[in-house]
Amino acid sequence: MFNSDTAYTNYLKTASTQRLTRAILKLFPNTPVSVSLFRSFDNVTATKPFANTSYTDFVNISSLNRTDTSSNFNRSIGAYLNSTALKPVSSRVATVEKILDENGYTASKRASMSNDVIGIQIADDVVYETSDKDNENVMYSGLKLS
């Protein structure tokens, strides 16, 4: 689908389904996007974890959890974004930023990550028809961050 980081970045900047992705990328202002890292998430499951030897010190940001125990919300970033699909982007990004901060990824740390790369694609505001008997609409929201 994407043959270069430039094509991938252009898609993220222009696709209407990537509003949330664009907002989250703003939290990492100096971190370049990598289509290679994004592709590394294809077919990752609980029994087949991420395995790309091109990347070291890999951090799956979507699995970071709240550390604030006073909050009722203690799910990962990925679970939070999936459960809040179709909600306003700004409040969701504010929560993601709070979780990043709690896990040591403060604004200054994120701004200094120019030697790192991020692989991200969040299909938000995408509705598919199901083939079930009720023909209900279901929302898909996938998260690929690192």
N, C-alpha and C. Protein backbone atom coordinates (compact mmCIF):
# COMPACT_ATOMS: atom_id res chain seq x y z
N MET A 1 0.82 -1.19 0.00
CA MET A 1 0.00 0.00 0.00
C MET A 1 0.87 1.26 0.00
N PHE A 2 1.85 1.32 0.90
CA PHE A 2 2.75 2.47 0.95
C PHE A 2 4.14 2.00 0.60
N ASN A 3 4.78 2.68 -0.35
CA ASN A 3 6.11 2.26 -0.76
C ASN A 3 7.22 3.14 -0.19
N SER A 4 6.85 4.13 0.64
CA SER A 4 7.86 4.99 1.24
C SER A 4 7.29 5.69 2.47
N ASP A 5 8.19 6.19 3.31
CA ASP A 5 7.75 6.96 4.47
C ASP A 5 7.00 8.21 4.02
N THR A 6 7.41 8.79 2.89
CA THR A 6 6.76 9.99 2.38
C THR A 6 5.30 9.71 2.00
N ALA A 7 5.07 8.61 1.29
CA ALA A 7 3.70 8.25 0.89
C ALA A 7 2.85 7.95 2.12
N TYR A 8 3.44 7.25 3.08
CA TYR A 8 2.74 6.91 4.32
C TYR A 8 2.40 8.18 5.10
N THR A 9 3.36 9.08 5.23
CA THR A 9 3.13 10.34 5.94
C THR A 9 2.06 11.17 5.25
N ASN A 10 2.09 11.21 3.93
CA ASN A 10 1.08 11.96 3.18
C ASN A 10 -0.32 11.40 3.46
N TYR A 11 -0.44 10.08 3.48
CA TYR A 11 -1.72 9.45 3.81
C TYR A 11 -2.19 9.88 5.20
N LEU A 12 -1.29 9.81 6.18
CA LEU A 12 -1.67 10.18 7.55
C LEU A 12 -2.09 11.64 7.64
N LYS A 13 -1.47 12.49 6.83
CA LYS A 13 -1.78 13.92 6.85
C LYS A 13 -3.07 14.27 6.13
N THR A 14 -3.51 13.42 5.21
CA THR A 14 -4.65 13.80 4.37
C THR A 14 -5.90 12.95 4.52
N ALA A 15 -5.78 11.72 4.97
CA ALA A 15 -6.95 10.84 5.05
C ALA A 15 -7.92 11.31 6.13
N SER A 16 -9.18 11.36 5.80
CA SER A 16 -10.18 11.82 6.77
C SER A 16 -10.28 10.88 7.97
N THR A 17 -9.93 9.62 7.80
CA THR A 17 -10.00 8.66 8.90
C THR A 17 -8.82 8.78 9.86
N GLN A 18 -7.88 9.65 9.57
CA GLN A 18 -6.67 9.74 10.38
C GLN A 18 -6.60 10.99 11.26
N ARG A 19 -7.75 11.57 11.59
CA ARG A 19 -7.76 12.77 12.45
C ARG A 19 -7.13 12.48 13.81
N LEU A 20 -7.49 11.36 14.42
CA LEU A 20 -6.92 11.00 15.72
C LEU A 20 -5.43 10.73 15.60
N THR A 21 -5.03 10.06 14.55
CA THR A 21 -3.60 9.81 14.31
C THR A 21 -2.84 11.12 14.25
N ARG A 22 -3.35 12.07 13.47
CA ARG A 22 -2.67 13.37 13.34
C ARG A 22 -2.55 14.07 14.69
N ALA A 23 -3.60 14.01 15.49
CA ALA A 23 -3.57 14.66 16.80
C ALA A 23 -2.54 13.99 17.72
N ILE A 24 -2.46 12.67 17.68
CA ILE A 24 -1.48 11.97 18.51
C ILE A 24 -0.06 12.22 18.01
N LEU A 25 0.11 12.29 16.70
CA LEU A 25 1.44 12.59 16.17
C LEU A 25 1.95 13.95 16.65
N LYS A 26 1.05 14.89 16.89
CA LYS A 26 1.46 16.20 17.40
C LYS A 26 2.08 16.09 18.79
N LEU A 27 1.78 15.01 19.51
CA LEU A 27 2.39 14.78 20.82
C LEU A 27 3.86 14.37 20.68
N PHE A 28 4.25 13.97 19.49
CA PHE A 28 5.63 13.55 19.18
C PHE A 28 6.14 14.45 18.05
N PRO A 29 6.35 15.74 18.32
CA PRO A 29 6.58 16.72 17.25
C PRO A 29 7.84 16.50 16.42
N ASN A 30 8.83 15.85 16.94
CA ASN A 30 10.10 15.68 16.22
C ASN A 30 10.41 14.24 15.87
N THR A 31 9.44 13.36 16.05
CA THR A 31 9.65 11.94 15.79
C THR A 31 9.14 11.60 14.40
N PRO A 32 10.03 11.14 13.52
CA PRO A 32 9.59 10.81 12.16
C PRO A 32 8.72 9.55 12.13
N VAL A 33 7.85 9.51 11.15
CA VAL A 33 6.96 8.37 10.94
C VAL A 33 7.70 7.33 10.10
N SER A 34 7.49 6.05 10.42
CA SER A 34 8.15 4.97 9.70
C SER A 34 7.13 3.96 9.19
N VAL A 35 7.04 3.83 7.88
CA VAL A 35 6.15 2.82 7.31
C VAL A 35 6.67 1.42 7.61
N SER A 36 7.97 1.25 7.69
CA SER A 36 8.55 -0.05 8.01
C SER A 36 8.13 -0.50 9.41
N LEU A 37 8.18 0.40 10.37
CA LEU A 37 7.75 0.05 11.72
C LEU A 37 6.25 -0.23 11.74
N PHE A 38 5.47 0.59 11.05
CA PHE A 38 4.03 0.36 10.95
C PHE A 38 3.74 -1.04 10.41
N ARG A 39 4.43 -1.43 9.35
CA ARG A 39 4.22 -2.76 8.75
C ARG A 39 4.63 -3.89 9.68
N SER A 40 5.52 -3.61 10.62
CA SER A 40 5.98 -4.64 11.55
C SER A 40 4.86 -5.15 12.44
N PHE A 41 3.77 -4.41 12.51
CA PHE A 41 2.65 -4.82 13.35
C PHE A 41 1.71 -5.79 12.65
N ASP A 42 1.87 -5.98 11.36
CA ASP A 42 1.00 -6.91 10.64
C ASP A 42 1.09 -8.29 11.26
N ASN A 43 -0.04 -8.86 11.53
CA ASN A 43 -0.16 -10.23 12.04
C ASN A 43 0.44 -10.44 13.43
N VAL A 44 0.62 -9.38 14.21
CA VAL A 44 1.08 -9.53 15.58
C VAL A 44 -0.10 -10.00 16.42
N THR A 45 0.11 -11.05 17.19
CA THR A 45 -0.92 -11.56 18.10
C THR A 45 -0.27 -11.86 19.44
N ALA A 46 -1.08 -12.31 20.39
CA ALA A 46 -0.54 -12.66 21.70
C ALA A 46 0.47 -13.79 21.61
N THR A 47 0.26 -14.69 20.65
CA THR A 47 1.18 -15.82 20.52
C THR A 47 2.28 -15.56 19.48
N LYS A 48 2.14 -14.49 18.71
CA LYS A 48 3.15 -14.13 17.73
C LYS A 48 3.50 -12.66 17.94
N PRO A 49 4.40 -12.38 18.89
CA PRO A 49 4.69 -10.99 19.22
C PRO A 49 5.50 -10.27 18.15
N PHE A 50 5.64 -8.98 18.34
CA PHE A 50 6.43 -8.13 17.46
C PHE A 50 7.84 -8.70 17.32
N ALA A 51 8.28 -8.87 16.11
CA ALA A 51 9.63 -9.39 15.88
C ALA A 51 10.21 -8.73 14.64
N ASN A 52 10.90 -7.63 14.83
CA ASN A 52 11.56 -6.95 13.72
C ASN A 52 12.93 -6.54 14.23
N THR A 53 13.95 -7.21 13.77
CA THR A 53 15.30 -6.97 14.28
C THR A 53 15.88 -5.64 13.82
N SER A 54 15.17 -4.92 12.95
CA SER A 54 15.63 -3.61 12.52
C SER A 54 15.46 -2.56 13.61
N TYR A 55 14.64 -2.87 14.60
CA TYR A 55 14.35 -1.91 15.66
C TYR A 55 14.81 -2.45 17.00
N THR A 56 15.47 -1.59 17.77
CA THR A 56 15.89 -1.95 19.11
C THR A 56 15.16 -1.05 20.09
N ASP A 57 15.12 -1.44 21.33
CA ASP A 57 14.45 -0.66 22.37
C ASP A 57 13.02 -0.31 21.97
N PHE A 58 12.32 -1.28 21.43
CA PHE A 58 10.94 -1.11 20.99
C PHE A 58 10.02 -0.88 22.19
N VAL A 59 9.15 0.11 22.08
CA VAL A 59 8.15 0.38 23.11
C VAL A 59 6.79 0.41 22.43
N ASN A 60 5.90 -0.44 22.87
CA ASN A 60 4.53 -0.43 22.35
C ASN A 60 3.74 0.57 23.19
N ILE A 61 3.66 1.78 22.71
CA ILE A 61 3.01 2.84 23.48
C ILE A 61 1.54 2.54 23.71
N SER A 62 0.91 1.84 22.80
CA SER A 62 -0.52 1.55 22.98
C SER A 62 -0.79 0.67 24.19
N SER A 63 0.24 -0.01 24.71
CA SER A 63 0.03 -0.87 25.87
C SER A 63 0.33 -0.17 27.20
N LEU A 64 0.75 1.09 27.15
CA LEU A 64 1.01 1.82 28.40
C LEU A 64 -0.30 2.03 29.15
N ASN A 65 -0.25 1.82 30.47
CA ASN A 65 -1.43 1.96 31.32
C ASN A 65 -1.35 3.20 32.19
N ARG A 66 -2.49 3.62 32.70
CA ARG A 66 -2.53 4.68 33.70
C ARG A 66 -1.76 4.23 34.92
N THR A 67 -1.02 5.13 35.52
CA THR A 67 -0.34 4.81 36.77
C THR A 67 -1.02 5.49 37.95
N ASP A 68 -1.94 6.39 37.65
CA ASP A 68 -2.70 7.09 38.68
C ASP A 68 -3.75 6.15 39.25
N THR A 69 -3.51 5.64 40.45
CA THR A 69 -4.44 4.66 41.03
C THR A 69 -5.70 5.30 41.58
N SER A 70 -5.76 6.62 41.66
CA SER A 70 -6.98 7.27 42.15
C SER A 70 -8.05 7.33 41.07
N SER A 71 -7.68 6.99 39.86
CA SER A 71 -8.62 7.04 38.74
C SER A 71 -9.29 5.68 38.56
N ASN A 72 -10.55 5.70 38.16
CA ASN A 72 -11.24 4.46 37.84
C ASN A 72 -10.75 3.89 36.51
N PHE A 73 -10.10 4.73 35.72
CA PHE A 73 -9.62 4.32 34.41
C PHE A 73 -8.22 3.74 34.56
N ASN A 74 -8.05 2.47 34.34
CA ASN A 74 -6.72 1.87 34.45
C ASN A 74 -6.39 1.00 33.25
N ARG A 75 -6.99 1.30 32.13
CA ARG A 75 -6.74 0.52 30.92
C ARG A 75 -5.58 1.11 30.14
N SER A 76 -5.14 0.38 29.14
CA SER A 76 -4.05 0.84 28.28
C SER A 76 -4.55 1.92 27.33
N ILE A 77 -3.59 2.60 26.70
CA ILE A 77 -3.94 3.61 25.70
C ILE A 77 -4.77 2.98 24.59
N GLY A 78 -4.33 1.83 24.10
CA GLY A 78 -5.06 1.16 23.02
C GLY A 78 -6.49 0.82 23.41
N ALA A 79 -6.67 0.25 24.60
CA ALA A 79 -8.01 -0.11 25.06
C ALA A 79 -8.87 1.14 25.24
N TYR A 80 -8.26 2.19 25.77
CA TYR A 80 -9.00 3.45 25.96
C TYR A 80 -9.46 4.01 24.62
N LEU A 81 -8.57 4.07 23.64
CA LEU A 81 -8.95 4.64 22.35
C LEU A 81 -10.02 3.79 21.66
N ASN A 82 -9.91 2.48 21.78
CA ASN A 82 -10.94 1.62 21.19
C ASN A 82 -12.29 1.82 21.87
N SER A 83 -12.29 1.98 23.19
CA SER A 83 -13.56 2.11 23.90
C SER A 83 -14.17 3.50 23.76
N THR A 84 -13.40 4.46 23.28
CA THR A 84 -13.92 5.82 23.12
C THR A 84 -14.02 6.22 21.65
N ALA A 85 -14.03 5.24 20.79
CA ALA A 85 -14.13 5.52 19.35
C ALA A 85 -15.34 6.39 19.06
N LEU A 86 -15.16 7.29 18.12
CA LEU A 86 -16.18 8.24 17.67
C LEU A 86 -16.47 9.36 18.67
N LYS A 87 -15.75 9.40 19.77
CA LYS A 87 -15.86 10.50 20.72
C LYS A 87 -14.96 11.64 20.23
N PRO A 88 -15.11 12.84 20.79
CA PRO A 88 -14.27 13.96 20.35
C PRO A 88 -12.77 13.66 20.48
N VAL A 89 -12.04 14.05 19.47
CA VAL A 89 -10.61 13.77 19.41
C VAL A 89 -9.85 14.48 20.52
N SER A 90 -10.17 15.74 20.78
CA SER A 90 -9.38 16.53 21.73
C SER A 90 -9.36 15.93 23.13
N SER A 91 -10.49 15.46 23.63
CA SER A 91 -10.50 14.88 24.98
C SER A 91 -9.77 13.54 25.01
N ARG A 92 -9.84 12.80 23.94
CA ARG A 92 -9.14 11.51 23.87
C ARG A 92 -7.63 11.72 23.85
N VAL A 93 -7.18 12.71 23.08
CA VAL A 93 -5.75 13.00 23.00
C VAL A 93 -5.25 13.52 24.35
N ALA A 94 -6.06 14.30 25.04
CA ALA A 94 -5.67 14.79 26.37
C ALA A 94 -5.45 13.62 27.32
N THR A 95 -6.30 12.61 27.25
CA THR A 95 -6.12 11.42 28.10
C THR A 95 -4.87 10.65 27.69
N VAL A 96 -4.64 10.50 26.41
CA VAL A 96 -3.43 9.82 25.93
C VAL A 96 -2.20 10.57 26.43
N GLU A 97 -2.22 11.89 26.33
CA GLU A 97 -1.09 12.70 26.79
C GLU A 97 -0.85 12.48 28.29
N LYS A 98 -1.91 12.42 29.06
CA LYS A 98 -1.79 12.20 30.51
C LYS A 98 -1.14 10.84 30.79
N ILE A 99 -1.57 9.81 30.06
CA ILE A 99 -0.99 8.48 30.25
C ILE A 99 0.48 8.47 29.85
N LEU A 100 0.80 9.12 28.74
CA LEU A 100 2.21 9.21 28.32
C LEU A 100 3.04 9.90 29.41
N ASP A 101 2.54 11.02 29.92
CA ASP A 101 3.24 11.75 30.99
C ASP A 101 3.46 10.86 32.21
N GLU A 102 2.42 10.14 32.62
CA GLU A 102 2.51 9.27 33.80
C GLU A 102 3.55 8.17 33.62
N ASN A 103 3.81 7.80 32.38
CA ASN A 103 4.77 6.73 32.09
C ASN A 103 6.14 7.27 31.70
N GLY A 104 6.39 8.55 31.98
CA GLY A 104 7.70 9.13 31.74
C GLY A 104 7.89 9.75 30.36
N TYR A 105 6.86 9.70 29.53
CA TYR A 105 6.95 10.31 28.20
C TYR A 105 6.34 11.72 28.26
N THR A 106 7.04 12.60 28.98
CA THR A 106 6.59 13.97 29.14
C THR A 106 6.74 14.73 27.83
N ALA A 107 6.19 15.92 27.77
CA ALA A 107 6.28 16.73 26.55
C ALA A 107 7.74 16.95 26.15
N SER A 108 8.60 17.23 27.12
CA SER A 108 10.01 17.46 26.79
C SER A 108 10.69 16.18 26.31
N LYS A 109 10.35 15.05 26.92
CA LYS A 109 10.90 13.76 26.48
C LYS A 109 10.44 13.45 25.06
N ARG A 110 9.14 13.63 24.80
CA ARG A 110 8.61 13.36 23.46
C ARG A 110 9.23 14.29 22.42
N ALA A 111 9.44 15.54 22.78
CA ALA A 111 10.05 16.50 21.85
C ALA A 111 11.50 16.14 21.53
N SER A 112 12.15 15.43 22.45
CA SER A 112 13.56 15.06 22.24
C SER A 112 13.72 13.76 21.46
N MET A 113 12.65 13.14 21.06
CA MET A 113 12.71 11.81 20.43
C MET A 113 12.92 11.89 18.91
N SER A 114 13.83 12.74 18.48
CA SER A 114 14.07 12.91 17.04
C SER A 114 14.88 11.77 16.43
N ASN A 115 15.56 10.99 17.25
CA ASN A 115 16.31 9.84 16.74
C ASN A 115 15.50 8.56 16.77
N ASP A 116 14.27 8.65 17.24
CA ASP A 116 13.36 7.51 17.27
C ASP A 116 12.44 7.58 16.05
N VAL A 117 11.64 6.56 15.87
CA VAL A 117 10.61 6.58 14.82
C VAL A 117 9.30 6.12 15.43
N ILE A 118 8.21 6.49 14.78
CA ILE A 118 6.90 6.07 15.23
C ILE A 118 6.17 5.41 14.07
N GLY A 119 5.55 4.29 14.35
CA GLY A 119 4.70 3.61 13.38
C GLY A 119 3.28 3.69 13.91
N ILE A 120 2.43 4.41 13.24
CA ILE A 120 1.10 4.68 13.78
C ILE A 120 0.06 4.68 12.67
N GLN A 121 -1.11 4.17 13.00
CA GLN A 121 -2.27 4.24 12.11
C GLN A 121 -3.47 3.92 12.96
N ILE A 122 -4.36 4.87 13.11
CA ILE A 122 -5.56 4.66 13.90
C ILE A 122 -6.75 4.93 12.98
N ALA A 123 -7.44 3.90 12.60
CA ALA A 123 -8.62 4.06 11.75
C ALA A 123 -9.79 4.42 12.64
N ASP A 124 -10.04 5.70 12.77
CA ASP A 124 -11.09 6.18 13.65
C ASP A 124 -12.20 6.78 12.79
N ASP A 125 -13.40 6.77 13.29
CA ASP A 125 -14.56 7.27 12.55
C ASP A 125 -14.83 6.45 11.29
N VAL A 126 -14.51 5.16 11.34
CA VAL A 126 -14.76 4.28 10.21
C VAL A 126 -15.83 3.29 10.63
N VAL A 127 -16.90 3.22 9.89
CA VAL A 127 -18.00 2.32 10.21
C VAL A 127 -18.17 1.32 9.08
N TYR A 128 -18.27 0.05 9.45
CA TYR A 128 -18.48 -1.02 8.48
C TYR A 128 -19.83 -1.67 8.73
N GLU A 129 -20.46 -2.14 7.69
CA GLU A 129 -21.68 -2.92 7.84
C GLU A 129 -21.30 -4.35 8.19
N THR A 130 -22.04 -4.95 9.10
CA THR A 130 -21.81 -6.35 9.41
C THR A 130 -22.79 -7.19 8.62
N SER A 131 -22.55 -8.48 8.57
CA SER A 131 -23.47 -9.36 7.84
C SER A 131 -24.37 -10.12 8.81
N ASP A 132 -24.44 -9.66 10.07
CA ASP A 132 -25.28 -10.39 11.02
C ASP A 132 -26.76 -10.12 10.76
N LYS A 133 -27.61 -10.86 11.46
CA LYS A 133 -29.05 -10.80 11.18
C LYS A 133 -29.64 -9.42 11.44
N ASP A 134 -29.05 -8.65 12.35
CA ASP A 134 -29.56 -7.32 12.65
C ASP A 134 -28.97 -6.25 11.74
N ASN A 135 -27.97 -6.63 10.96
CA ASN A 135 -27.30 -5.70 10.04
C ASN A 135 -26.85 -4.43 10.76
N GLU A 136 -26.28 -4.61 11.96
CA GLU A 136 -25.83 -3.48 12.76
C GLU A 136 -24.55 -2.89 12.19
N ASN A 137 -24.35 -1.61 12.45
CA ASN A 137 -23.07 -0.98 12.12
C ASN A 137 -22.09 -1.25 13.26
N VAL A 138 -20.87 -1.53 12.92
CA VAL A 138 -19.83 -1.70 13.92
C VAL A 138 -18.70 -0.75 13.59
N MET A 139 -18.03 -0.31 14.59
CA MET A 139 -16.93 0.64 14.42
C MET A 139 -15.61 -0.10 14.52
N TYR A 140 -14.69 0.23 13.67
CA TYR A 140 -13.35 -0.34 13.73
C TYR A 140 -12.39 0.76 14.15
N SER A 141 -11.59 0.50 15.14
CA SER A 141 -10.55 1.45 15.54
C SER A 141 -9.31 0.66 15.88
N GLY A 142 -8.36 0.66 14.99
CA GLY A 142 -7.12 -0.06 15.23
C GLY A 142 -6.02 0.88 15.64
N LEU A 143 -5.15 0.45 16.50
CA LEU A 143 -4.07 1.30 16.98
C LEU A 143 -2.74 0.62 16.77
N LYS A 144 -1.84 1.31 16.11
CA LYS A 144 -0.49 0.80 15.92
C LYS A 144 0.47 1.93 16.25
N LEU A 145 1.02 1.88 17.43
CA LEU A 145 1.96 2.90 17.89
C LEU A 145 3.23 2.24 18.37
N SER A 146 4.31 2.90 18.21
CA SER A 146 5.54 2.43 18.85
C SER A 146 6.52 3.56 18.92
